[in-house]
Amino acid sequence: MLEFLSKYNFLQNENLSYHCTMRVGGNAKFYIEPSSNDQLIDVVKNCEKTKLNYFVLGNGSNVIFRDKGFDGVIICTKKINEIKIKDNIIIADGGSNLFVLNKIAQQNGLGGMEWSYGIPGSVGGAVCMNAGAYGGQMQDIVLKAKIFDGKKIKVLYNNELKMSYRDSIIKQNKYIVLKVWIKLKKEDKEIIKEKQINYLNKRRLSQPLEMYNSGSIFKKVKDISAGKIIDNLGLKGVIFNGAQISKLHANFIVNLGNAKAKDIQNLIKIIKDKVKEKTNIVLEEEVLFIGDE
């Protein structure tokens, strides 16, 4: 089983709290960071062949690892991060960081994705969940994506990606994003920079960026902010052991420093139960829990 992994630098019993922005989770049996899409595909194919459980991870900003860890291979794409520019199109590997992508776009006078400045995710993850904020979304700027479906490589164009609110065909079928083509528009570099700073400042004022978190916990409900629903019930600041509903934004849960994944799960249950009881609304998680129950 380990034979194919021995070709790469892999870690055993790796602490997964280092690999998600909430900073919680047990150990992964195996952890690997491929350095190319070819290596990524090779690892996935071998995991399939040997029936070894695996999960492909980006920047870990929308993922919470459970306390019992992961009995299999965590494959992190962050080293697969080549970014090229052709006219007004950015071609980025799935593991590319959104911060870096925004910087490169600004330096090349390419505008249209400033709304994503400050989202601590990967390009692949952003396409998978059709990340969006402040009226912008990936659906509006992605031309096409090269994906791996577990057996073969395909190119899916925008309409084939079936992106909708926090969803896509990639997410539904657990495809792996290898490369993304993003179409932007020529714009003055200083105007782009100003927009990026404005969006980042908005985030700093309204989100607990200085604390460990996983972004929005729940999806909107019929265009109503989940944060507003939770806030109206007076739940801001509620603590369960090491986790807290953010005092700044009710749709964020923060790790106070010693939280366990179970603490976050318990807070989520408290929120969902209270919202259901008081409003009859069933909240749906946006964040993904990974690992053994």
C-alpha atoms as a PDB file:
ATOM      1  CA  MET A   1       0.000   0.000   0.000  1.00  0.00           C
ATOM      2  CA  LEU A   2       2.838   2.381   0.830  1.00  0.00           C
ATOM      3  CA  GLU A   3       4.843   1.547  -2.268  1.00  0.00           C
ATOM      4  CA  PHE A   4       3.431   4.338  -4.445  1.00  0.00           C
ATOM      5  CA  LEU A   5       3.719   6.891  -1.630  1.00  0.00           C
ATOM      6  CA  SER A   6       7.420   6.133  -1.222  1.00  0.00           C
ATOM      7  CA  LYS A   7       8.053   7.936  -4.536  1.00  0.00           C
ATOM      8  CA  TYR A   8       7.064  11.178  -2.849  1.00  0.00           C
ATOM      9  CA  ASN A   9       7.836  13.014   0.362  1.00  0.00           C
ATOM     10  CA  PHE A  10       4.977  12.017   2.600  1.00  0.00           C
ATOM     11  CA  LEU A  11       4.309  12.344   6.305  1.00  0.00           C
ATOM     12  CA  GLN A  12       2.708   9.852   8.661  1.00  0.00           C
ATOM     13  CA  ASN A  13       0.433  10.768  11.561  1.00  0.00           C
ATOM     14  CA  GLU A  14       0.470  14.414  10.501  1.00  0.00           C
ATOM     15  CA  ASN A  15      -1.410  16.823  12.790  1.00  0.00           C
ATOM     16  CA  LEU A  16      -4.232  18.168  10.625  1.00  0.00           C
ATOM     17  CA  SER A  17      -4.797  21.249  12.772  1.00  0.00           C
ATOM     18  CA  TYR A  18      -1.786  22.741  10.956  1.00  0.00           C
ATOM     19  CA  HIS A  19      -3.625  22.412   7.653  1.00  0.00           C
ATOM     20  CA  CYS A  20      -6.974  24.126   8.211  1.00  0.00           C
ATOM     21  CA  THR A  21      -7.641  27.731   9.157  1.00  0.00           C
ATOM     22  CA  MET A  22      -9.763  26.719  12.181  1.00  0.00           C
ATOM     23  CA  ARG A  23      -6.662  24.983  13.598  1.00  0.00           C
ATOM     24  CA  VAL A  24      -8.445  21.867  14.875  1.00  0.00           C
ATOM     25  CA  GLY A  25      -8.355  18.175  14.042  1.00  0.00           C
ATOM     26  CA  GLY A  26      -6.632  14.894  14.762  1.00  0.00           C
ATOM     27  CA  ASN A  27      -3.904  13.209  12.713  1.00  0.00           C
ATOM     28  CA  ALA A  28      -3.919  11.995   9.138  1.00  0.00           C
ATOM     29  CA  LYS A  29      -2.550   8.497   8.583  1.00  0.00           C
ATOM     30  CA  PHE A  30      -0.679   9.904   5.573  1.00  0.00           C
ATOM     31  CA  TYR A  31      -0.184  13.463   4.325  1.00  0.00           C
ATOM     32  CA  ILE A  32       1.362  14.456   1.008  1.00  0.00           C
ATOM     33  CA  GLU A  33       1.941  17.654  -0.967  1.00  0.00           C
ATOM     34  CA  PRO A  34       2.399  16.811  -4.672  1.00  0.00           C
ATOM     35  CA  SER A  35       4.449  19.346  -6.622  1.00  0.00           C
ATOM     36  CA  SER A  36       2.648  18.986  -9.958  1.00  0.00           C
ATOM     37  CA  ASN A  37      -0.725  18.000 -11.371  1.00  0.00           C
ATOM     38  CA  ASP A  38       0.876  14.853 -12.805  1.00  0.00           C
ATOM     39  CA  GLN A  39       1.958  13.826  -9.312  1.00  0.00           C
ATOM     40  CA  LEU A  40      -1.485  14.698  -7.929  1.00  0.00           C
ATOM     41  CA  ILE A  41      -3.192  12.488 -10.520  1.00  0.00           C
ATOM     42  CA  ASP A  42      -0.718   9.677  -9.884  1.00  0.00           C
ATOM     43  CA  VAL A  43      -1.405   9.735  -6.130  1.00  0.00           C
ATOM     44  CA  VAL A  44      -5.187   9.828  -6.644  1.00  0.00           C
ATOM     45  CA  LYS A  45      -5.109   6.973  -9.165  1.00  0.00           C
ATOM     46  CA  ASN A  46      -3.036   4.854  -6.790  1.00  0.00           C
ATOM     47  CA  CYS A  47      -5.343   5.638  -3.883  1.00  0.00           C
ATOM     48  CA  GLU A  48      -8.274   4.495  -6.035  1.00  0.00           C
ATOM     49  CA  LYS A  49      -6.385   1.386  -7.132  1.00  0.00           C
ATOM     50  CA  THR A  50      -5.423   0.372  -3.594  1.00  0.00           C
ATOM     51  CA  LYS A  51      -8.827   1.457  -2.187  1.00  0.00           C
ATOM     52  CA  LEU A  52      -7.059   3.855   0.166  1.00  0.00           C
ATOM     53  CA  ASN A  53      -9.307   6.619   1.489  1.00  0.00           C
ATOM     54  CA  TYR A  54      -8.192  10.086   0.364  1.00  0.00           C
ATOM     55  CA  PHE A  55      -9.214  13.734   0.451  1.00  0.00           C
ATOM     56  CA  VAL A  56      -7.845  16.495  -1.791  1.00  0.00           C
ATOM     57  CA  LEU A  57      -7.232  19.655   0.236  1.00  0.00           C
ATOM     58  CA  GLY A  58      -6.618  23.211  -0.900  1.00  0.00           C
ATOM     59  CA  ASN A  59      -5.860  25.904   1.660  1.00  0.00           C
ATOM     60  CA  GLY A  60      -8.147  24.388   4.310  1.00  0.00           C
ATOM     61  CA  SER A  61     -10.171  27.582   4.725  1.00  0.00           C
ATOM     62  CA  ASN A  62     -13.603  25.986   4.358  1.00  0.00           C
ATOM     63  CA  VAL A  63     -12.722  22.637   5.947  1.00  0.00           C
ATOM     64  CA  ILE A  64     -12.807  21.467   9.572  1.00  0.00           C
ATOM     65  CA  PHE A  65     -10.982  18.259  10.431  1.00  0.00           C
ATOM     66  CA  ARG A  66     -12.616  16.064  13.046  1.00  0.00           C
ATOM     67  CA  ASP A  67     -10.821  15.176  16.285  1.00  0.00           C
ATOM     68  CA  LYS A  68     -10.288  11.504  15.420  1.00  0.00           C
ATOM     69  CA  GLY A  69      -8.300  12.462  12.340  1.00  0.00           C
ATOM     70  CA  PHE A  70      -8.359  10.866   8.894  1.00  0.00           C
ATOM     71  CA  ASP A  71      -7.684   7.203   8.194  1.00  0.00           C
ATOM     72  CA  GLY A  72      -6.197   7.636   4.742  1.00  0.00           C
ATOM     73  CA  VAL A  73      -4.263  10.153   2.637  1.00  0.00           C
ATOM     74  CA  ILE A  74      -4.708  13.901   2.787  1.00  0.00           C
ATOM     75  CA  ILE A  75      -3.426  15.269  -0.531  1.00  0.00           C
ATOM     76  CA  CYS A  76      -2.712  19.007  -0.281  1.00  0.00           C
ATOM     77  CA  THR A  77      -2.421  20.972  -3.535  1.00  0.00           C
ATOM     78  CA  LYS A  78      -0.749  24.150  -2.245  1.00  0.00           C
ATOM     79  CA  LYS A  79       2.559  23.419  -4.013  1.00  0.00           C
ATOM     80  CA  ILE A  80       0.733  23.155  -7.359  1.00  0.00           C
ATOM     81  CA  ASN A  81       0.449  26.881  -7.864  1.00  0.00           C
ATOM     82  CA  GLU A  82       1.708  28.030 -11.262  1.00  0.00           C
ATOM     83  CA  ILE A  83       0.003  31.197 -12.533  1.00  0.00           C
ATOM     84  CA  LYS A  84       0.305  32.461 -16.125  1.00  0.00           C
ATOM     85  CA  ILE A  85      -1.229  35.413 -17.941  1.00  0.00           C
ATOM     86  CA  LYS A  86      -2.330  35.543 -21.570  1.00  0.00           C
ATOM     87  CA  ASP A  87      -3.816  38.931 -22.541  1.00  0.00           C
ATOM     88  CA  ASN A  88      -6.654  39.456 -20.040  1.00  0.00           C
ATOM     89  CA  ILE A  89      -6.906  35.794 -19.031  1.00  0.00           C
ATOM     90  CA  ILE A  90      -5.213  34.318 -15.947  1.00  0.00           C
ATOM     91  CA  ILE A  91      -4.436  30.607 -16.120  1.00  0.00           C
ATOM     92  CA  ALA A  92      -3.929  29.278 -12.603  1.00  0.00           C
ATOM     93  CA  ASP A  93      -3.288  25.855 -11.109  1.00  0.00           C
ATOM     94  CA  GLY A  94      -5.971  24.674  -8.702  1.00  0.00           C
ATOM     95  CA  GLY A  95      -3.673  24.985  -5.696  1.00  0.00           C
ATOM     96  CA  SER A  96      -2.928  28.668  -6.375  1.00  0.00           C
ATOM     97  CA  ASN A  97      -3.621  30.999  -3.460  1.00  0.00           C
ATOM     98  CA  LEU A  98      -6.347  33.629  -3.977  1.00  0.00           C
ATOM     99  CA  PHE A  99      -4.239  36.305  -2.252  1.00  0.00           C
ATOM    100  CA  VAL A 100      -1.378  35.654  -4.676  1.00  0.00           C
ATOM    101  CA  LEU A 101      -3.744  35.535  -7.644  1.00  0.00           C
ATOM    102  CA  ASN A 102      -5.191  38.926  -6.676  1.00  0.00           C
ATOM    103  CA  LYS A 103      -1.703  40.428  -6.357  1.00  0.00           C
ATOM    104  CA  ILE A 104      -0.727  39.181  -9.817  1.00  0.00           C
ATOM    105  CA  ALA A 105      -3.991  40.445 -11.301  1.00  0.00           C
ATOM    106  CA  GLN A 106      -3.382  43.892  -9.795  1.00  0.00           C
ATOM    107  CA  GLN A 107       0.246  44.036 -10.952  1.00  0.00           C
ATOM    108  CA  ASN A 108      -0.912  43.260 -14.491  1.00  0.00           C
ATOM    109  CA  GLY A 109      -3.799  45.715 -14.510  1.00  0.00           C
ATOM    110  CA  LEU A 110      -6.512  43.036 -14.578  1.00  0.00           C
ATOM    111  CA  GLY A 111      -9.685  43.867 -12.662  1.00  0.00           C
ATOM    112  CA  GLY A 112     -12.867  42.024 -11.819  1.00  0.00           C
ATOM    113  CA  MET A 113     -11.997  39.781  -8.890  1.00  0.00           C
ATOM    114  CA  GLU A 114     -11.217  42.357  -6.208  1.00  0.00           C
ATOM    115  CA  TRP A 115     -14.230  41.109  -4.216  1.00  0.00           C
ATOM    116  CA  SER A 116     -12.200  37.958  -3.456  1.00  0.00           C
ATOM    117  CA  TYR A 117      -9.248  39.835  -1.945  1.00  0.00           C
ATOM    118  CA  GLY A 118      -8.930  38.582   1.602  1.00  0.00           C
ATOM    119  CA  ILE A 119     -10.542  35.174   1.081  1.00  0.00           C
ATOM    120  CA  PRO A 120      -7.860  32.756   2.368  1.00  0.00           C
ATOM    121  CA  GLY A 121      -8.639  29.938  -0.048  1.00  0.00           C
ATOM    122  CA  SER A 122      -7.275  28.249  -3.141  1.00  0.00           C
ATOM    123  CA  VAL A 123      -8.465  28.793  -6.702  1.00  0.00           C
ATOM    124  CA  GLY A 124      -9.645  25.182  -6.975  1.00  0.00           C
ATOM    125  CA  GLY A 125     -11.654  25.442  -3.785  1.00  0.00           C
ATOM    126  CA  ALA A 126     -13.139  28.765  -4.873  1.00  0.00           C
ATOM    127  CA  VAL A 127     -14.362  27.276  -8.174  1.00  0.00           C
ATOM    128  CA  CYS A 128     -15.618  24.098  -6.480  1.00  0.00           C
ATOM    129  CA  MET A 129     -17.891  26.026  -4.115  1.00  0.00           C
ATOM    130  CA  ASN A 130     -18.439  29.021  -6.421  1.00  0.00           C
ATOM    131  CA  ALA A 131     -17.011  31.368  -3.806  1.00  0.00           C
ATOM    132  CA  GLY A 132     -18.560  34.803  -3.751  1.00  0.00           C
ATOM    133  CA  ALA A 133     -18.753  38.031  -1.776  1.00  0.00           C
ATOM    134  CA  TYR A 134     -19.934  41.627  -2.125  1.00  0.00           C
ATOM    135  CA  GLY A 135     -21.901  40.891  -5.285  1.00  0.00           C
ATOM    136  CA  GLY A 136     -19.107  39.009  -7.077  1.00  0.00           C
ATOM    137  CA  GLN A 137     -18.689  35.270  -7.601  1.00  0.00           C
ATOM    138  CA  MET A 138     -16.402  32.848  -9.413  1.00  0.00           C
ATOM    139  CA  GLN A 139     -19.197  31.970 -11.821  1.00  0.00           C
ATOM    140  CA  ASP A 140     -18.875  35.465 -13.337  1.00  0.00           C
ATOM    141  CA  ILE A 141     -15.158  35.254 -14.172  1.00  0.00           C
ATOM    142  CA  VAL A 142     -14.322  31.579 -14.847  1.00  0.00           C
ATOM    143  CA  LEU A 143     -14.092  30.667 -18.544  1.00  0.00           C
ATOM    144  CA  LYS A 144     -13.287  26.991 -18.070  1.00  0.00           C
ATOM    145  CA  ALA A 145     -11.579  24.514 -15.761  1.00  0.00           C
ATOM    146  CA  LYS A 146      -9.449  21.449 -16.344  1.00  0.00           C
ATOM    147  CA  ILE A 147     -10.553  18.744 -13.943  1.00  0.00           C
ATOM    148  CA  PHE A 148      -9.722  15.151 -13.063  1.00  0.00           C
ATOM    149  CA  ASP A 149     -12.727  12.942 -12.380  1.00  0.00           C
ATOM    150  CA  GLY A 150     -10.769  10.075 -10.813  1.00  0.00           C
ATOM    151  CA  LYS A 151     -10.240   8.354 -14.149  1.00  0.00           C
ATOM    152  CA  LYS A 152      -9.566  10.940 -16.815  1.00  0.00           C
ATOM    153  CA  ILE A 153      -8.862  14.623 -17.415  1.00  0.00           C
ATOM    154  CA  LYS A 154     -11.638  16.800 -18.824  1.00  0.00           C
ATOM    155  CA  VAL A 155     -12.075  20.467 -19.686  1.00  0.00           C
ATOM    156  CA  LEU A 156     -15.400  21.900 -18.552  1.00  0.00           C
ATOM    157  CA  TYR A 157     -16.580  25.287 -19.806  1.00  0.00           C
ATOM    158  CA  ASN A 158     -18.469  27.774 -17.656  1.00  0.00           C
ATOM    159  CA  ASN A 159     -21.945  26.459 -18.508  1.00  0.00           C
ATOM    160  CA  GLU A 160     -20.785  22.853 -17.960  1.00  0.00           C
ATOM    161  CA  LEU A 161     -19.482  23.693 -14.485  1.00  0.00           C
ATOM    162  CA  LYS A 162     -23.082  24.331 -13.371  1.00  0.00           C
ATOM    163  CA  MET A 163     -22.027  26.850 -10.757  1.00  0.00           C
ATOM    164  CA  SER A 164     -24.726  28.125  -8.442  1.00  0.00           C
ATOM    165  CA  TYR A 165     -24.817  29.451  -4.884  1.00  0.00           C
ATOM    166  CA  ARG A 166     -21.954  27.641  -3.092  1.00  0.00           C
ATOM    167  CA  ASP A 167     -22.232  24.734  -5.493  1.00  0.00           C
ATOM    168  CA  SER A 168     -20.946  23.322  -8.783  1.00  0.00           C
ATOM    169  CA  ILE A 169     -20.735  20.061 -10.701  1.00  0.00           C
ATOM    170  CA  ILE A 170     -17.193  19.810  -9.290  1.00  0.00           C
ATOM    171  CA  LYS A 171     -18.488  19.794  -5.733  1.00  0.00           C
ATOM    172  CA  GLN A 172     -21.361  17.436  -6.520  1.00  0.00           C
ATOM    173  CA  ASN A 173     -19.088  14.856  -8.170  1.00  0.00           C
ATOM    174  CA  LYS A 174     -15.940  15.423  -6.081  1.00  0.00           C
ATOM    175  CA  TYR A 175     -13.902  16.296  -9.167  1.00  0.00           C
ATOM    176  CA  ILE A 176     -10.381  17.649  -8.675  1.00  0.00           C
ATOM    177  CA  VAL A 177      -9.593  21.074 -10.136  1.00  0.00           C
ATOM    178  CA  LEU A 178      -6.258  21.032 -11.967  1.00  0.00           C
ATOM    179  CA  LYS A 179      -6.298  24.372 -13.772  1.00  0.00           C
ATOM    180  CA  VAL A 180      -8.633  27.348 -14.129  1.00  0.00           C
ATOM    181  CA  TRP A 181      -8.972  30.017 -16.838  1.00  0.00           C
ATOM    182  CA  ILE A 182     -10.195  33.328 -15.399  1.00  0.00           C
ATOM    183  CA  LYS A 183     -11.244  36.174 -17.682  1.00  0.00           C
ATOM    184  CA  LEU A 184     -10.738  39.666 -16.275  1.00  0.00           C
ATOM    185  CA  LYS A 185     -10.768  43.162 -17.767  1.00  0.00           C
ATOM    186  CA  LYS A 186      -8.026  45.712 -18.291  1.00  0.00           C
ATOM    187  CA  GLU A 187      -8.098  48.396 -15.631  1.00  0.00           C
ATOM    188  CA  ASP A 188      -5.824  50.923 -13.972  1.00  0.00           C
ATOM    189  CA  LYS A 189      -3.524  49.222 -11.452  1.00  0.00           C
ATOM    190  CA  GLU A 190      -4.074  51.850  -8.751  1.00  0.00           C
ATOM    191  CA  ILE A 191      -7.870  51.609  -9.054  1.00  0.00           C
ATOM    192  CA  ILE A 192      -7.646  47.813  -8.656  1.00  0.00           C
ATOM    193  CA  LYS A 193      -5.399  48.199  -5.622  1.00  0.00           C
ATOM    194  CA  GLU A 194      -7.793  50.688  -4.050  1.00  0.00           C
ATOM    195  CA  LYS A 195     -10.734  48.329  -4.559  1.00  0.00           C
ATOM    196  CA  GLN A 196      -8.769  45.429  -3.045  1.00  0.00           C
ATOM    197  CA  ILE A 197      -7.878  47.476   0.027  1.00  0.00           C
ATOM    198  CA  ASN A 198     -11.480  48.620   0.422  1.00  0.00           C
ATOM    199  CA  TYR A 199     -12.778  45.038   0.325  1.00  0.00           C
ATOM    200  CA  LEU A 200     -10.113  43.882   2.776  1.00  0.00           C
ATOM    201  CA  ASN A 201     -10.989  46.722   5.156  1.00  0.00           C
ATOM    202  CA  LYS A 202     -14.685  45.765   4.930  1.00  0.00           C
ATOM    203  CA  ARG A 203     -13.733  42.233   5.916  1.00  0.00           C
ATOM    204  CA  ARG A 204     -11.587  43.408   8.805  1.00  0.00           C
ATOM    205  CA  LEU A 205     -14.434  45.507  10.178  1.00  0.00           C
ATOM    206  CA  SER A 206     -17.074  42.784   9.908  1.00  0.00           C
ATOM    207  CA  GLN A 207     -15.218  39.458  10.232  1.00  0.00           C
ATOM    208  CA  PRO A 208     -12.917  37.985  12.911  1.00  0.00           C
ATOM    209  CA  LEU A 209      -9.882  37.783  10.591  1.00  0.00           C
ATOM    210  CA  GLU A 210      -7.417  37.895  13.496  1.00  0.00           C
ATOM    211  CA  MET A 211      -8.815  34.707  15.036  1.00  0.00           C
ATOM    212  CA  TYR A 212      -8.789  31.100  13.821  1.00  0.00           C
ATOM    213  CA  ASN A 213     -11.980  30.509  11.832  1.00  0.00           C
ATOM    214  CA  SER A 214     -13.343  28.722   8.748  1.00  0.00           C
ATOM    215  CA  GLY A 215     -15.258  31.572   7.184  1.00  0.00           C
ATOM    216  CA  SER A 216     -19.044  31.442   6.965  1.00  0.00           C
ATOM    217  CA  ILE A 217     -20.442  28.425   8.774  1.00  0.00           C
ATOM    218  CA  PHE A 218     -23.917  28.460   7.214  1.00  0.00           C
ATOM    219  CA  LYS A 219     -25.361  29.216   3.776  1.00  0.00           C
ATOM    220  CA  LYS A 220     -27.823  32.018   3.170  1.00  0.00           C
ATOM    221  CA  VAL A 221     -31.514  31.178   3.456  1.00  0.00           C
ATOM    222  CA  LYS A 222     -33.506  32.554   0.493  1.00  0.00           C
ATOM    223  CA  ASP A 223     -31.076  35.485   0.204  1.00  0.00           C
ATOM    224  CA  ILE A 224     -31.303  36.201   3.932  1.00  0.00           C
ATOM    225  CA  SER A 225     -27.941  36.240   5.701  1.00  0.00           C
ATOM    226  CA  ALA A 226     -27.555  33.361   8.144  1.00  0.00           C
ATOM    227  CA  GLY A 227     -25.517  35.741  10.312  1.00  0.00           C
ATOM    228  CA  LYS A 228     -28.473  38.096  10.598  1.00  0.00           C
ATOM    229  CA  ILE A 229     -30.827  35.253  11.577  1.00  0.00           C
ATOM    230  CA  ILE A 230     -28.383  34.051  14.259  1.00  0.00           C
ATOM    231  CA  ASP A 231     -27.649  37.595  15.479  1.00  0.00           C
ATOM    232  CA  ASN A 232     -31.382  38.347  15.871  1.00  0.00           C
ATOM    233  CA  LEU A 233     -31.598  35.442  18.310  1.00  0.00           C
ATOM    234  CA  GLY A 234     -28.888  36.975  20.493  1.00  0.00           C
ATOM    235  CA  LEU A 235     -26.380  34.175  19.997  1.00  0.00           C
ATOM    236  CA  LYS A 236     -23.278  36.283  19.323  1.00  0.00           C
ATOM    237  CA  GLY A 237     -20.546  35.517  21.844  1.00  0.00           C
ATOM    238  CA  VAL A 238     -21.957  32.160  22.996  1.00  0.00           C
ATOM    239  CA  ILE A 239     -19.109  29.848  24.029  1.00  0.00           C
ATOM    240  CA  PHE A 240     -18.841  26.062  24.080  1.00  0.00           C
ATOM    241  CA  ASN A 241     -15.522  25.037  25.665  1.00  0.00           C
ATOM    242  CA  GLY A 242     -12.821  26.446  23.327  1.00  0.00           C
ATOM    243  CA  ALA A 243     -15.125  27.643  20.552  1.00  0.00           C
ATOM    244  CA  GLN A 244     -17.204  30.798  20.323  1.00  0.00           C
ATOM    245  CA  ILE A 245     -19.821  32.314  18.039  1.00  0.00           C
ATOM    246  CA  SER A 246     -17.952  35.415  16.926  1.00  0.00           C
ATOM    247  CA  LYS A 247     -18.888  38.682  18.630  1.00  0.00           C
ATOM    248  CA  LEU A 248     -18.138  40.418  15.327  1.00  0.00           C
ATOM    249  CA  HIS A 249     -20.100  38.220  12.899  1.00  0.00           C
ATOM    250  CA  ALA A 250     -22.699  35.680  14.032  1.00  0.00           C
ATOM    251  CA  ASN A 251     -22.075  33.366  11.048  1.00  0.00           C
ATOM    252  CA  PHE A 252     -18.467  32.833  12.117  1.00  0.00           C
ATOM    253  CA  ILE A 253     -17.301  30.437  14.808  1.00  0.00           C
ATOM    254  CA  VAL A 254     -13.831  31.138  16.196  1.00  0.00           C
ATOM    255  CA  ASN A 255     -11.277  28.981  17.939  1.00  0.00           C
ATOM    256  CA  LEU A 256     -10.366  30.739  21.188  1.00  0.00           C
ATOM    257  CA  GLY A 257      -7.070  28.841  21.202  1.00  0.00           C
ATOM    258  CA  ASN A 258      -7.869  25.408  22.590  1.00  0.00           C
ATOM    259  CA  ALA A 259     -10.998  24.376  20.689  1.00  0.00           C
ATOM    260  CA  LYS A 260     -11.703  20.865  19.494  1.00  0.00           C
ATOM    261  CA  ALA A 261     -13.684  20.062  16.372  1.00  0.00           C
ATOM    262  CA  LYS A 262     -16.362  18.636  18.681  1.00  0.00           C
ATOM    263  CA  ASP A 263     -16.764  22.044  20.343  1.00  0.00           C
ATOM    264  CA  ILE A 264     -17.487  23.595  16.937  1.00  0.00           C
ATOM    265  CA  GLN A 265     -19.919  20.803  16.087  1.00  0.00           C
ATOM    266  CA  ASN A 266     -21.715  21.372  19.393  1.00  0.00           C
ATOM    267  CA  LEU A 267     -21.972  25.119  18.737  1.00  0.00           C
ATOM    268  CA  ILE A 268     -23.350  24.402  15.273  1.00  0.00           C
ATOM    269  CA  LYS A 269     -26.001  22.140  16.838  1.00  0.00           C
ATOM    270  CA  ILE A 270     -26.902  24.836  19.384  1.00  0.00           C
ATOM    271  CA  ILE A 271     -27.332  27.384  16.582  1.00  0.00           C
ATOM    272  CA  LYS A 272     -29.347  25.063  14.323  1.00  0.00           C
ATOM    273  CA  ASP A 273     -31.632  23.934  17.159  1.00  0.00           C
ATOM    274  CA  LYS A 274     -32.286  27.513  18.319  1.00  0.00           C
ATOM    275  CA  VAL A 275     -32.931  28.803  14.787  1.00  0.00           C
ATOM    276  CA  LYS A 276     -35.301  25.890  14.052  1.00  0.00           C
ATOM    277  CA  GLU A 277     -37.141  26.400  17.353  1.00  0.00           C
ATOM    278  CA  LYS A 278     -37.581  30.166  16.983  1.00  0.00           C
ATOM    279  CA  THR A 279     -37.975  30.621  13.213  1.00  0.00           C
ATOM    280  CA  ASN A 280     -38.661  27.138  11.795  1.00  0.00           C
ATOM    281  CA  ILE A 281     -35.687  27.715   9.450  1.00  0.00           C
ATOM    282  CA  VAL A 282     -33.289  24.799   8.920  1.00  0.00           C
ATOM    283  CA  LEU A 283     -29.778  26.153   8.451  1.00  0.00           C
ATOM    284  CA  GLU A 284     -27.437  24.283   6.116  1.00  0.00           C
ATOM    285  CA  GLU A 285     -23.686  24.196   6.705  1.00  0.00           C
ATOM    286  CA  GLU A 286     -21.345  25.768   4.174  1.00  0.00           C
ATOM    287  CA  VAL A 287     -18.247  24.476   5.969  1.00  0.00           C
ATOM    288  CA  LEU A 288     -17.185  20.866   5.362  1.00  0.00           C
ATOM    289  CA  PHE A 289     -16.302  18.446   8.167  1.00  0.00           C
ATOM    290  CA  ILE A 290     -13.699  15.864   7.166  1.00  0.00           C
ATOM    291  CA  GLY A 291     -12.441  12.805   9.025  1.00  0.00           C
ATOM    292  CA  ASP A 292     -13.514   9.935  11.184  1.00  0.00           C
ATOM    293  CA  GLU A 293     -16.554  10.266  13.420  1.00  0.00           C
END
